[in-house]
Full PDB file with SEQRES, HELIX, SHEET, SSBOND, CRYST1, ORIGX, SCALE, CONECT and MASTER records, all heavy atoms in Angstrom:
SEQRES   1 A   41  LEU ARG ARG VAL MET PRO ALA LEU MET GLU ILE LEU GLN          
SEQRES   2 A   41  SER ASN TYR ILE LEU ALA GLN VAL GLN ALA ILE ARG LEU          
SEQRES   3 A   41  LEU SER TYR LEU ALA GLN LYS ASN ASP LEU LEU TYR ASP          
SEQRES   4 A   41  ILE LEU                                                      
HELIX    1 AA1 MET A    5  LEU A   12  1                                   8    
HELIX    2 AA2 ILE A   17  LEU A   30  1                                  14    
HELIX    3 AA3 ASN A   34  ILE A   40  1                                   7    
CRYST1    1.000    1.000    1.000  90.00  90.00  90.00 P 1           1          
ORIGX1      1.000000  0.000000  0.000000        0.00000                         
ORIGX2      0.000000  1.000000  0.000000        0.00000                         
ORIGX3      0.000000  0.000000  1.000000        0.00000                         
SCALE1      1.000000  0.000000  0.000000        0.00000                         
SCALE2      0.000000  1.000000  0.000000        0.00000                         
SCALE3      0.000000  0.000000  1.000000        0.00000                         
ATOM      1  N   LEU A   1      -1.737   6.819   7.901  1.00  0.00           N  
ATOM      2  CA  LEU A   1      -1.689   5.694   7.004  1.00  0.00           C  
ATOM      3  C   LEU A   1      -3.002   5.524   6.361  1.00  0.00           C  
ATOM      4  O   LEU A   1      -2.908   5.167   5.060  1.00  0.00           O  
ATOM      5  CB  LEU A   1      -1.237   4.480   7.713  1.00  0.00           C  
ATOM      6  CG  LEU A   1       0.324   4.394   8.024  1.00  0.00           C  
ATOM      7  CD1 LEU A   1       0.634   3.241   8.975  1.00  0.00           C  
ATOM      8  CD2 LEU A   1       1.221   4.252   6.791  1.00  0.00           C  
ATOM      9  N   ARG A   2      -4.046   5.450   7.014  1.00  0.00           N  
ATOM     10  CA  ARG A   2      -5.274   5.391   6.421  1.00  0.00           C  
ATOM     11  C   ARG A   2      -5.516   6.541   5.330  1.00  0.00           C  
ATOM     12  O   ARG A   2      -6.098   6.219   4.284  1.00  0.00           O  
ATOM     13  CB  ARG A   2      -6.430   5.507   7.427  1.00  0.00           C  
ATOM     14  CG  ARG A   2      -6.504   4.226   8.241  1.00  0.00           C  
ATOM     15  CD  ARG A   2      -7.844   4.257   9.149  1.00  0.00           C  
ATOM     16  NE  ARG A   2      -7.859   3.153  10.069  1.00  0.00           N  
ATOM     17  CZ  ARG A   2      -7.364   3.226  11.217  1.00  0.00           C  
ATOM     18  NH1 ARG A   2      -6.815   4.288  11.762  1.00  0.00           N  
ATOM     19  NH2 ARG A   2      -7.336   2.164  12.088  1.00  0.00           N  
ATOM     20  N   ARG A   3      -5.123   7.712   5.608  1.00  0.00           N  
ATOM     21  CA  ARG A   3      -5.420   8.817   4.733  1.00  0.00           C  
ATOM     22  C   ARG A   3      -4.540   8.590   3.365  1.00  0.00           C  
ATOM     23  O   ARG A   3      -4.979   9.168   2.380  1.00  0.00           O  
ATOM     24  CB  ARG A   3      -5.049  10.110   5.416  1.00  0.00           C  
ATOM     25  CG  ARG A   3      -6.197  10.545   6.434  1.00  0.00           C  
ATOM     26  CD  ARG A   3      -5.879  11.967   6.953  1.00  0.00           C  
ATOM     27  NE  ARG A   3      -4.796  12.122   7.693  1.00  0.00           N  
ATOM     28  CZ  ARG A   3      -4.859  11.939   9.144  1.00  0.00           C  
ATOM     29  NH1 ARG A   3      -6.026  11.646   9.628  1.00  0.00           N  
ATOM     30  NH2 ARG A   3      -3.858  12.167   9.895  1.00  0.00           N  
ATOM     31  N   VAL A   4      -3.288   8.073   3.579  1.00  0.00           N  
ATOM     32  CA  VAL A   4      -2.484   7.993   2.404  1.00  0.00           C  
ATOM     33  C   VAL A   4      -2.578   6.645   1.696  1.00  0.00           C  
ATOM     34  O   VAL A   4      -2.033   6.471   0.658  1.00  0.00           O  
ATOM     35  CB  VAL A   4      -0.977   8.087   2.817  1.00  0.00           C  
ATOM     36  CG1 VAL A   4      -0.796   9.496   3.527  1.00  0.00           C  
ATOM     37  CG2 VAL A   4      -0.495   7.021   3.590  1.00  0.00           C  
ATOM     38  N   MET A   5      -3.526   5.763   2.079  1.00  0.00           N  
ATOM     39  CA  MET A   5      -3.748   4.443   1.466  1.00  0.00           C  
ATOM     40  C   MET A   5      -4.054   4.631  -0.095  1.00  0.00           C  
ATOM     41  O   MET A   5      -3.503   3.842  -0.801  1.00  0.00           O  
ATOM     42  CB  MET A   5      -4.850   3.715   2.097  1.00  0.00           C  
ATOM     43  CG  MET A   5      -4.648   2.226   2.117  1.00  0.00           C  
ATOM     44  SD  MET A   5      -3.348   1.574   2.940  1.00  0.00           S  
ATOM     45  CE  MET A   5      -3.871   1.655   4.753  1.00  0.00           C  
ATOM     46  N   PRO A   6      -4.981   5.604  -0.418  1.00  0.00           N  
ATOM     47  CA  PRO A   6      -5.162   5.739  -1.899  1.00  0.00           C  
ATOM     48  C   PRO A   6      -4.052   6.015  -2.730  1.00  0.00           C  
ATOM     49  O   PRO A   6      -3.749   5.557  -3.823  1.00  0.00           O  
ATOM     50  CB  PRO A   6      -6.232   6.740  -1.952  1.00  0.00           C  
ATOM     51  CG  PRO A   6      -6.876   6.822  -0.656  1.00  0.00           C  
ATOM     52  CD  PRO A   6      -5.803   6.387   0.343  1.00  0.00           C  
ATOM     53  N   ALA A   7      -3.116   6.912  -2.117  1.00  0.00           N  
ATOM     54  CA  ALA A   7      -1.783   7.321  -2.798  1.00  0.00           C  
ATOM     55  C   ALA A   7      -0.911   6.013  -2.902  1.00  0.00           C  
ATOM     56  O   ALA A   7      -0.298   5.869  -3.964  1.00  0.00           O  
ATOM     57  CB  ALA A   7      -1.117   8.340  -2.056  1.00  0.00           C  
ATOM     58  N   LEU A   8      -0.827   5.234  -1.890  1.00  0.00           N  
ATOM     59  CA  LEU A   8       0.027   3.978  -1.869  1.00  0.00           C  
ATOM     60  C   LEU A   8      -0.389   3.145  -2.975  1.00  0.00           C  
ATOM     61  O   LEU A   8       0.226   2.478  -3.733  1.00  0.00           O  
ATOM     62  CB  LEU A   8       0.151   3.292  -0.529  1.00  0.00           C  
ATOM     63  CG  LEU A   8       0.692   3.983   0.641  1.00  0.00           C  
ATOM     64  CD1 LEU A   8       0.541   3.178   1.875  1.00  0.00           C  
ATOM     65  CD2 LEU A   8       2.147   4.174   0.348  1.00  0.00           C  
ATOM     66  N   MET A   9      -1.680   2.973  -3.126  1.00  0.00           N  
ATOM     67  CA  MET A   9      -2.386   2.062  -4.163  1.00  0.00           C  
ATOM     68  C   MET A   9      -2.111   2.622  -5.550  1.00  0.00           C  
ATOM     69  O   MET A   9      -1.927   1.955  -6.471  1.00  0.00           O  
ATOM     70  CB  MET A   9      -3.924   1.978  -3.923  1.00  0.00           C  
ATOM     71  CG  MET A   9      -4.484   0.596  -4.466  1.00  0.00           C  
ATOM     72  SD  MET A   9      -3.732  -0.846  -3.593  1.00  0.00           S  
ATOM     73  CE  MET A   9      -4.505  -0.769  -1.958  1.00  0.00           C  
ATOM     74  N   GLU A  10      -2.087   3.981  -5.731  1.00  0.00           N  
ATOM     75  CA  GLU A  10      -1.722   4.563  -6.980  1.00  0.00           C  
ATOM     76  C   GLU A  10      -0.370   4.385  -7.359  1.00  0.00           C  
ATOM     77  O   GLU A  10       0.051   3.941  -8.467  1.00  0.00           O  
ATOM     78  CB  GLU A  10      -2.137   6.152  -6.971  1.00  0.00           C  
ATOM     79  CG  GLU A  10      -3.537   6.472  -7.112  1.00  0.00           C  
ATOM     80  CD  GLU A  10      -4.213   5.882  -8.369  1.00  0.00           C  
ATOM     81  OE1 GLU A  10      -3.516   6.096  -9.496  1.00  0.00           O  
ATOM     82  OE2 GLU A  10      -5.327   5.491  -8.406  1.00  0.00           O  
ATOM     83  N   ILE A  11       0.666   4.438  -6.370  1.00  0.00           N  
ATOM     84  CA  ILE A  11       2.066   4.256  -6.639  1.00  0.00           C  
ATOM     85  C   ILE A  11       2.186   2.696  -7.134  1.00  0.00           C  
ATOM     86  O   ILE A  11       2.837   2.321  -7.983  1.00  0.00           O  
ATOM     87  CB  ILE A  11       2.885   4.395  -5.383  1.00  0.00           C  
ATOM     88  CG1 ILE A  11       2.793   5.967  -5.133  1.00  0.00           C  
ATOM     89  CG2 ILE A  11       4.383   4.005  -5.585  1.00  0.00           C  
ATOM     90  CD1 ILE A  11       3.463   6.324  -3.805  1.00  0.00           C  
ATOM     91  N   LEU A  12       1.429   1.790  -6.403  1.00  0.00           N  
ATOM     92  CA  LEU A  12       1.496   0.417  -6.799  1.00  0.00           C  
ATOM     93  C   LEU A  12       1.099   0.119  -8.193  1.00  0.00           C  
ATOM     94  O   LEU A  12       1.558  -0.663  -8.821  1.00  0.00           O  
ATOM     95  CB  LEU A  12       0.688  -0.429  -5.788  1.00  0.00           C  
ATOM     96  CG  LEU A  12       0.467  -1.899  -6.142  1.00  0.00           C  
ATOM     97  CD1 LEU A  12       1.777  -2.710  -6.270  1.00  0.00           C  
ATOM     98  CD2 LEU A  12      -0.479  -2.594  -5.109  1.00  0.00           C  
ATOM     99  N   GLN A  13       0.128   0.906  -8.611  1.00  0.00           N  
ATOM    100  CA  GLN A  13      -0.391   0.777 -10.005  1.00  0.00           C  
ATOM    101  C   GLN A  13       0.296   1.637 -11.110  1.00  0.00           C  
ATOM    102  O   GLN A  13      -0.096   1.686 -12.186  1.00  0.00           O  
ATOM    103  CB  GLN A  13      -1.882   0.932  -9.978  1.00  0.00           C  
ATOM    104  CG  GLN A  13      -2.626   0.022  -9.177  1.00  0.00           C  
ATOM    105  CD  GLN A  13      -4.092   0.408  -8.861  1.00  0.00           C  
ATOM    106  OE1 GLN A  13      -4.975  -0.124  -9.624  1.00  0.00           O  
ATOM    107  NE2 GLN A  13      -4.247   1.290  -7.940  1.00  0.00           N  
ATOM    108  N   SER A  14       1.438   2.236 -10.613  1.00  0.00           N  
ATOM    109  CA  SER A  14       2.143   3.071 -11.543  1.00  0.00           C  
ATOM    110  C   SER A  14       3.069   2.086 -12.404  1.00  0.00           C  
ATOM    111  O   SER A  14       2.943   0.905 -12.247  1.00  0.00           O  
ATOM    112  CB  SER A  14       3.093   4.071 -10.843  1.00  0.00           C  
ATOM    113  OG  SER A  14       4.113   3.406 -10.129  1.00  0.00           O  
ATOM    114  N   ASN A  15       3.838   2.668 -13.265  1.00  0.00           N  
ATOM    115  CA  ASN A  15       4.611   1.753 -14.168  1.00  0.00           C  
ATOM    116  C   ASN A  15       6.191   2.010 -13.743  1.00  0.00           C  
ATOM    117  O   ASN A  15       6.965   1.758 -14.532  1.00  0.00           O  
ATOM    118  CB  ASN A  15       4.467   2.214 -15.624  1.00  0.00           C  
ATOM    119  CG  ASN A  15       3.097   1.831 -16.210  1.00  0.00           C  
ATOM    120  OD1 ASN A  15       2.532   0.931 -15.848  1.00  0.00           O  
ATOM    121  ND2 ASN A  15       2.433   2.774 -16.957  1.00  0.00           N  
ATOM    122  N   TYR A  16       6.366   2.288 -12.546  1.00  0.00           N  
ATOM    123  CA  TYR A  16       7.894   2.503 -12.119  1.00  0.00           C  
ATOM    124  C   TYR A  16       8.116   1.377 -11.154  1.00  0.00           C  
ATOM    125  O   TYR A  16       7.640   1.417 -10.001  1.00  0.00           O  
ATOM    126  CB  TYR A  16       8.029   3.776 -11.481  1.00  0.00           C  
ATOM    127  CG  TYR A  16       9.529   4.076 -11.286  1.00  0.00           C  
ATOM    128  CD1 TYR A  16      10.278   4.268 -12.295  1.00  0.00           C  
ATOM    129  CD2 TYR A  16       9.923   4.423 -10.107  1.00  0.00           C  
ATOM    130  CE1 TYR A  16      11.731   4.654 -12.161  1.00  0.00           C  
ATOM    131  CE2 TYR A  16      11.303   4.655  -9.778  1.00  0.00           C  
ATOM    132  CZ  TYR A  16      12.153   4.816 -10.889  1.00  0.00           C  
ATOM    133  OH  TYR A  16      13.469   5.160 -10.651  1.00  0.00           O  
ATOM    134  N   ILE A  17       8.883   0.316 -11.582  1.00  0.00           N  
ATOM    135  CA  ILE A  17       8.968  -0.910 -10.902  1.00  0.00           C  
ATOM    136  C   ILE A  17       9.672  -0.689  -9.391  1.00  0.00           C  
ATOM    137  O   ILE A  17       9.243  -1.354  -8.521  1.00  0.00           O  
ATOM    138  CB  ILE A  17       9.989  -1.905 -11.630  1.00  0.00           C  
ATOM    139  CG1 ILE A  17      10.253  -3.216 -10.930  1.00  0.00           C  
ATOM    140  CG2 ILE A  17      11.226  -1.220 -12.161  1.00  0.00           C  
ATOM    141  CD1 ILE A  17       9.046  -3.987 -10.587  1.00  0.00           C  
ATOM    142  N   LEU A  18      10.588   0.180  -9.361  1.00  0.00           N  
ATOM    143  CA  LEU A  18      11.273   0.289  -7.948  1.00  0.00           C  
ATOM    144  C   LEU A  18      10.235   0.888  -6.898  1.00  0.00           C  
ATOM    145  O   LEU A  18      10.264   0.390  -5.824  1.00  0.00           O  
ATOM    146  CB  LEU A  18      12.519   1.279  -8.025  1.00  0.00           C  
ATOM    147  CG  LEU A  18      13.649   0.782  -9.060  1.00  0.00           C  
ATOM    148  CD1 LEU A  18      14.667   1.900  -8.913  1.00  0.00           C  
ATOM    149  CD2 LEU A  18      14.176  -0.488  -8.403  1.00  0.00           C  
ATOM    150  N   ALA A  19       9.487   1.972  -7.281  1.00  0.00           N  
ATOM    151  CA  ALA A  19       8.430   2.423  -6.532  1.00  0.00           C  
ATOM    152  C   ALA A  19       7.320   1.479  -6.271  1.00  0.00           C  
ATOM    153  O   ALA A  19       6.834   1.300  -5.133  1.00  0.00           O  
ATOM    154  CB  ALA A  19       7.842   3.733  -6.984  1.00  0.00           C  
ATOM    155  N   GLN A  20       6.974   0.731  -7.226  1.00  0.00           N  
ATOM    156  CA  GLN A  20       5.973  -0.397  -7.045  1.00  0.00           C  
ATOM    157  C   GLN A  20       6.316  -1.528  -6.031  1.00  0.00           C  
ATOM    158  O   GLN A  20       5.490  -1.823  -5.214  1.00  0.00           O  
ATOM    159  CB  GLN A  20       5.562  -1.068  -8.387  1.00  0.00           C  
ATOM    160  CG  GLN A  20       4.809  -0.234  -9.416  1.00  0.00           C  
ATOM    161  CD  GLN A  20       4.624  -1.005 -10.674  1.00  0.00           C  
ATOM    162  OE1 GLN A  20       5.646  -1.114 -11.409  1.00  0.00           O  
ATOM    163  NE2 GLN A  20       3.522  -1.395 -10.990  1.00  0.00           N  
ATOM    164  N   VAL A  21       7.515  -1.878  -6.101  1.00  0.00           N  
ATOM    165  CA  VAL A  21       8.084  -2.926  -5.204  1.00  0.00           C  
ATOM    166  C   VAL A  21       8.057  -2.403  -3.787  1.00  0.00           C  
ATOM    167  O   VAL A  21       7.691  -3.094  -2.875  1.00  0.00           O  
ATOM    168  CB  VAL A  21       9.424  -3.364  -5.609  1.00  0.00           C  
ATOM    169  CG1 VAL A  21      10.147  -4.302  -4.540  1.00  0.00           C  
ATOM    170  CG2 VAL A  21       9.341  -4.189  -6.871  1.00  0.00           C  
ATOM    171  N   GLN A  22       8.592  -1.133  -3.633  1.00  0.00           N  
ATOM    172  CA  GLN A  22       8.541  -0.561  -2.263  1.00  0.00           C  
ATOM    173  C   GLN A  22       7.109  -0.345  -1.791  1.00  0.00           C  
ATOM    174  O   GLN A  22       6.864  -0.501  -0.498  1.00  0.00           O  
ATOM    175  CB  GLN A  22       9.366   0.675  -2.330  1.00  0.00           C  
ATOM    176  CG  GLN A  22      10.880   0.638  -2.657  1.00  0.00           C  
ATOM    177  CD  GLN A  22      11.624  -0.232  -1.502  1.00  0.00           C  
ATOM    178  OE1 GLN A  22      11.133  -0.259  -0.454  1.00  0.00           O  
ATOM    179  NE2 GLN A  22      12.638  -1.031  -2.089  1.00  0.00           N  
ATOM    180  N   ALA A  23       6.265   0.017  -2.510  1.00  0.00           N  
ATOM    181  CA  ALA A  23       4.792   0.351  -2.077  1.00  0.00           C  
ATOM    182  C   ALA A  23       4.134  -1.043  -1.643  1.00  0.00           C  
ATOM    183  O   ALA A  23       3.563  -1.072  -0.754  1.00  0.00           O  
ATOM    184  CB  ALA A  23       4.083   0.933  -3.251  1.00  0.00           C  
ATOM    185  N   ILE A  24       4.413  -2.059  -2.520  1.00  0.00           N  
ATOM    186  CA  ILE A  24       3.729  -3.347  -2.210  1.00  0.00           C  
ATOM    187  C   ILE A  24       4.393  -3.913  -0.917  1.00  0.00           C  
ATOM    188  O   ILE A  24       3.652  -4.647  -0.068  1.00  0.00           O  
ATOM    189  CB  ILE A  24       3.844  -4.307  -3.329  1.00  0.00           C  
ATOM    190  CG1 ILE A  24       2.910  -5.448  -3.205  1.00  0.00           C  
ATOM    191  CG2 ILE A  24       5.260  -4.882  -3.419  1.00  0.00           C  
ATOM    192  CD1 ILE A  24       1.420  -4.974  -3.521  1.00  0.00           C  
ATOM    193  N   ARG A  25       5.600  -3.548  -0.650  1.00  0.00           N  
ATOM    194  CA  ARG A  25       6.182  -4.237   0.654  1.00  0.00           C  
ATOM    195  C   ARG A  25       5.524  -3.368   1.721  1.00  0.00           C  
ATOM    196  O   ARG A  25       5.276  -4.212   2.773  1.00  0.00           O  
ATOM    197  CB  ARG A  25       7.748  -4.018   0.554  1.00  0.00           C  
ATOM    198  CG  ARG A  25       8.457  -4.971  -0.254  1.00  0.00           C  
ATOM    199  CD  ARG A  25       9.936  -4.624  -0.227  1.00  0.00           C  
ATOM    200  NE  ARG A  25      10.664  -5.544  -1.086  1.00  0.00           N  
ATOM    201  CZ  ARG A  25      12.047  -5.408  -1.401  1.00  0.00           C  
ATOM    202  NH1 ARG A  25      12.676  -4.326  -0.963  1.00  0.00           N  
ATOM    203  NH2 ARG A  25      12.613  -6.199  -2.328  1.00  0.00           N  
ATOM    204  N   LEU A  26       5.430  -2.248   1.647  1.00  0.00           N  
ATOM    205  CA  LEU A  26       4.709  -1.443   2.806  1.00  0.00           C  
ATOM    206  C   LEU A  26       3.370  -1.855   2.922  1.00  0.00           C  
ATOM    207  O   LEU A  26       2.894  -2.208   4.067  1.00  0.00           O  
ATOM    208  CB  LEU A  26       4.770   0.135   2.526  1.00  0.00           C  
ATOM    209  CG  LEU A  26       4.216   1.041   3.561  1.00  0.00           C  
ATOM    210  CD1 LEU A  26       4.874   0.683   4.944  1.00  0.00           C  
ATOM    211  CD2 LEU A  26       4.176   2.410   3.274  1.00  0.00           C  
ATOM    212  N   LEU A  27       2.593  -2.126   1.924  1.00  0.00           N  
ATOM    213  CA  LEU A  27       1.208  -2.444   2.009  1.00  0.00           C  
ATOM    214  C   LEU A  27       1.200  -4.036   2.594  1.00  0.00           C  
ATOM    215  O   LEU A  27       0.195  -4.299   3.302  1.00  0.00           O  
ATOM    216  CB  LEU A  27       0.543  -2.486   0.695  1.00  0.00           C  
ATOM    217  CG  LEU A  27       0.195  -1.040   0.098  1.00  0.00           C  
ATOM    218  CD1 LEU A  27      -0.232  -1.190  -1.490  1.00  0.00           C  
ATOM    219  CD2 LEU A  27      -0.937  -0.438   0.924  1.00  0.00           C  
ATOM    220  N   SER A  28       2.021  -4.788   2.231  1.00  0.00           N  
ATOM    221  CA  SER A  28       1.994  -6.222   2.760  1.00  0.00           C  
ATOM    222  C   SER A  28       2.277  -6.137   4.310  1.00  0.00           C  
ATOM    223  O   SER A  28       1.619  -6.908   4.928  1.00  0.00           O  
ATOM    224  CB  SER A  28       3.282  -6.994   2.052  1.00  0.00           C  
ATOM    225  OG  SER A  28       2.939  -7.345   0.726  1.00  0.00           O  
ATOM    226  N   TYR A  29       3.156  -5.335   4.701  1.00  0.00           N  
ATOM    227  CA  TYR A  29       3.410  -5.048   6.104  1.00  0.00           C  
ATOM    228  C   TYR A  29       2.110  -4.596   6.855  1.00  0.00           C  
ATOM    229  O   TYR A  29       1.624  -5.059   7.869  1.00  0.00           O  
ATOM    230  CB  TYR A  29       4.543  -4.122   6.311  1.00  0.00           C  
ATOM    231  CG  TYR A  29       4.615  -3.659   7.700  1.00  0.00           C  
ATOM    232  CD1 TYR A  29       5.108  -4.449   8.740  1.00  0.00           C  
ATOM    233  CD2 TYR A  29       4.429  -2.332   8.052  1.00  0.00           C  
ATOM    234  CE1 TYR A  29       5.404  -4.010  10.160  1.00  0.00           C  
ATOM    235  CE2 TYR A  29       4.466  -1.871   9.444  1.00  0.00           C  
ATOM    236  CZ  TYR A  29       5.052  -2.694  10.377  1.00  0.00           C  
ATOM    237  OH  TYR A  29       5.171  -2.203  11.662  1.00  0.00           O  
ATOM    238  N   LEU A  30       1.486  -3.586   6.193  1.00  0.00           N  
ATOM    239  CA  LEU A  30       0.286  -3.076   6.757  1.00  0.00           C  
ATOM    240  C   LEU A  30      -0.923  -3.928   6.860  1.00  0.00           C  
ATOM    241  O   LEU A  30      -1.750  -3.845   7.777  1.00  0.00           O  
ATOM    242  CB  LEU A  30      -0.151  -1.685   5.989  1.00  0.00           C  
ATOM    243  CG  LEU A  30       0.967  -0.587   6.103  1.00  0.00           C  
ATOM    244  CD1 LEU A  30       0.461   0.622   5.314  1.00  0.00           C  
ATOM    245  CD2 LEU A  30       1.265  -0.163   7.634  1.00  0.00           C  
ATOM    246  N   ALA A  31      -0.917  -4.858   5.824  1.00  0.00           N  
ATOM    247  CA  ALA A  31      -2.022  -5.829   5.826  1.00  0.00           C  
ATOM    248  C   ALA A  31      -2.091  -6.833   6.940  1.00  0.00           C  
ATOM    249  O   ALA A  31      -3.047  -7.434   7.231  1.00  0.00           O  
ATOM    250  CB  ALA A  31      -1.986  -6.715   4.479  1.00  0.00           C  
ATOM    251  N   GLN A  32      -0.958  -6.789   7.692  1.00  0.00           N  
ATOM    252  CA  GLN A  32      -0.901  -7.667   8.946  1.00  0.00           C  
ATOM    253  C   GLN A  32      -1.443  -6.926  10.156  1.00  0.00           C  
ATOM    254  O   GLN A  32      -1.490  -7.540  11.166  1.00  0.00           O  
ATOM    255  CB  GLN A  32       0.436  -8.187   9.119  1.00  0.00           C  
ATOM    256  CG  GLN A  32       0.971  -9.022   7.954  1.00  0.00           C  
ATOM    257  CD  GLN A  32       2.489  -9.303   8.018  1.00  0.00           C  
ATOM    258  OE1 GLN A  32       2.840 -10.398   8.714  1.00  0.00           O  
ATOM    259  NE2 GLN A  32       3.447  -8.356   7.626  1.00  0.00           N  
ATOM    260  N   LYS A  33      -1.861  -5.715   9.936  1.00  0.00           N  
ATOM    261  CA  LYS A  33      -2.322  -4.816  11.131  1.00  0.00           C  
ATOM    262  C   LYS A  33      -3.899  -4.997  11.068  1.00  0.00           C  
ATOM    263  O   LYS A  33      -4.567  -4.650  10.054  1.00  0.00           O  
ATOM    264  CB  LYS A  33      -1.965  -3.395  10.913  1.00  0.00           C  
ATOM    265  CG  LYS A  33      -0.461  -3.185  10.939  1.00  0.00           C  
ATOM    266  CD  LYS A  33       0.382  -3.579  12.148  1.00  0.00           C  
ATOM    267  CE  LYS A  33       1.680  -3.355  12.221  1.00  0.00           C  
ATOM    268  NZ  LYS A  33       2.427  -3.647  13.327  1.00  0.00           N  
ATOM    269  N   ASN A  34      -4.470  -5.499  12.143  1.00  0.00           N  
ATOM    270  CA  ASN A  34      -5.928  -5.755  12.145  1.00  0.00           C  
ATOM    271  C   ASN A  34      -6.759  -4.496  11.814  1.00  0.00           C  
ATOM    272  O   ASN A  34      -7.694  -4.499  11.199  1.00  0.00           O  
ATOM    273  CB  ASN A  34      -6.336  -6.433  13.461  1.00  0.00           C  
ATOM    274  CG  ASN A  34      -5.947  -7.804  13.724  1.00  0.00           C  
ATOM    275  OD1 ASN A  34      -5.739  -8.494  12.597  1.00  0.00           O  
ATOM    276  ND2 ASN A  34      -5.693  -8.107  14.901  1.00  0.00           N  
ATOM    277  N   ASP A  35      -6.233  -3.310  12.383  1.00  0.00           N  
ATOM    278  CA  ASP A  35      -7.075  -2.085  12.269  1.00  0.00           C  
ATOM    279  C   ASP A  35      -6.891  -1.491  10.899  1.00  0.00           C  
ATOM    280  O   ASP A  35      -7.501  -0.385  10.625  1.00  0.00           O  
ATOM    281  CB  ASP A  35      -6.689  -1.154  13.468  1.00  0.00           C  
ATOM    282  CG  ASP A  35      -5.237  -0.738  13.454  1.00  0.00           C  
ATOM    283  OD1 ASP A  35      -4.419  -1.609  12.964  1.00  0.00           O  
ATOM    284  OD2 ASP A  35      -4.972   0.498  13.756  1.00  0.00           O  
ATOM    285  N   LEU A  36      -6.067  -1.858  10.164  1.00  0.00           N  
ATOM    286  CA  LEU A  36      -5.730  -1.423   8.764  1.00  0.00           C  
ATOM    287  C   LEU A  36      -6.198  -2.303   7.584  1.00  0.00           C  
ATOM    288  O   LEU A  36      -6.279  -1.758   6.408  1.00  0.00           O  
ATOM    289  CB  LEU A  36      -4.300  -1.046   8.573  1.00  0.00           C  
ATOM    290  CG  LEU A  36      -3.752  -0.011   9.426  1.00  0.00           C  
ATOM    291  CD1 LEU A  36      -2.292   0.116   9.258  1.00  0.00           C  
ATOM    292  CD2 LEU A  36      -4.429   1.417   9.306  1.00  0.00           C  
ATOM    293  N   LEU A  37      -6.440  -3.608   7.991  1.00  0.00           N  
ATOM    294  CA  LEU A  37      -6.818  -4.578   6.772  1.00  0.00           C  
ATOM    295  C   LEU A  37      -8.066  -4.042   5.966  1.00  0.00           C  
ATOM    296  O   LEU A  37      -8.054  -4.207   4.835  1.00  0.00           O  
ATOM    297  CB  LEU A  37      -7.030  -5.907   7.548  1.00  0.00           C  
ATOM    298  CG  LEU A  37      -7.372  -6.967   6.499  1.00  0.00           C  
ATOM    299  CD1 LEU A  37      -6.286  -7.115   5.413  1.00  0.00           C  
ATOM    300  CD2 LEU A  37      -7.571  -8.333   7.176  1.00  0.00           C  
ATOM    301  N   TYR A  38      -9.146  -3.641   6.769  1.00  0.00           N  
ATOM    302  CA  TYR A  38     -10.164  -3.264   5.916  1.00  0.00           C  
ATOM    303  C   TYR A  38     -10.136  -2.015   5.051  1.00  0.00           C  
ATOM    304  O   TYR A  38     -10.412  -2.100   3.972  1.00  0.00           O  
ATOM    305  CB  TYR A  38     -11.508  -2.973   6.924  1.00  0.00           C  
ATOM    306  CG  TYR A  38     -12.701  -2.299   6.160  1.00  0.00           C  
ATOM    307  CD1 TYR A  38     -13.465  -3.266   5.333  1.00  0.00           C  
ATOM    308  CD2 TYR A  38     -12.973  -0.948   6.319  1.00  0.00           C  
ATOM    309  CE1 TYR A  38     -14.531  -2.620   4.725  1.00  0.00           C  
ATOM    310  CE2 TYR A  38     -13.968  -0.482   5.644  1.00  0.00           C  
ATOM    311  CZ  TYR A  38     -14.766  -1.307   4.851  1.00  0.00           C  
ATOM    312  OH  TYR A  38     -15.913  -0.687   4.145  1.00  0.00           O  
ATOM    313  N   ASP A  39      -9.348  -1.153   5.576  1.00  0.00           N  
ATOM    314  CA  ASP A  39      -8.964   0.012   4.791  1.00  0.00           C  
ATOM    315  C   ASP A  39      -8.234  -0.291   3.430  1.00  0.00           C  
ATOM    316  O   ASP A  39      -8.402   0.358   2.437  1.00  0.00           O  
ATOM    317  CB  ASP A  39      -8.130   1.065   5.582  1.00  0.00           C  
ATOM    318  CG  ASP A  39      -8.825   1.552   6.914  1.00  0.00           C  
ATOM    319  OD1 ASP A  39      -9.650   2.431   6.742  1.00  0.00           O  
ATOM    320  OD2 ASP A  39      -8.608   0.943   7.992  1.00  0.00           O  
ATOM    321  N   ILE A  40      -7.338  -1.299   3.616  1.00  0.00           N  
ATOM    322  CA  ILE A  40      -6.611  -1.731   2.477  1.00  0.00           C  
ATOM    323  C   ILE A  40      -7.530  -2.367   1.438  1.00  0.00           C  
ATOM    324  O   ILE A  40      -7.553  -2.187   0.253  1.00  0.00           O  
ATOM    325  CB  ILE A  40      -5.503  -2.726   2.763  1.00  0.00           C  
ATOM    326  CG1 ILE A  40      -4.420  -1.980   3.633  1.00  0.00           C  
ATOM    327  CG2 ILE A  40      -4.788  -3.286   1.541  1.00  0.00           C  
ATOM    328  CD1 ILE A  40      -3.360  -2.759   4.105  1.00  0.00           C  
ATOM    329  N   LEU A  41      -8.366  -3.396   1.969  1.00  0.00           N  
ATOM    330  CA  LEU A  41      -9.221  -4.096   1.007  1.00  0.00           C  
ATOM    331  C   LEU A  41     -10.382  -3.261   0.436  1.00  0.00           C  
ATOM    332  O   LEU A  41     -10.795  -3.591  -0.612  1.00  0.00           O  
ATOM    333  CB  LEU A  41      -9.995  -5.290   2.072  1.00  0.00           C  
ATOM    334  CG  LEU A  41      -9.067  -6.538   2.273  1.00  0.00           C  
ATOM    335  CD1 LEU A  41      -9.772  -7.407   3.458  1.00  0.00           C  
ATOM    336  CD2 LEU A  41      -8.624  -7.205   0.989  1.00  0.00           C  
TER     337      LEU A  41                                                      
MASTER        0    0    0    3    0    0    0    6  336    1    0    4          
END                                                                             
């Protein structure tokens, strides 16, 4: 997940609403993991 974080952030910043919503839901879930929060931020 740490390795694919940049790809998830790129999908979030794309212009395809369905993919953006799914990407942000996954990132919101991962943001609750202590060991992944810094990687996201």
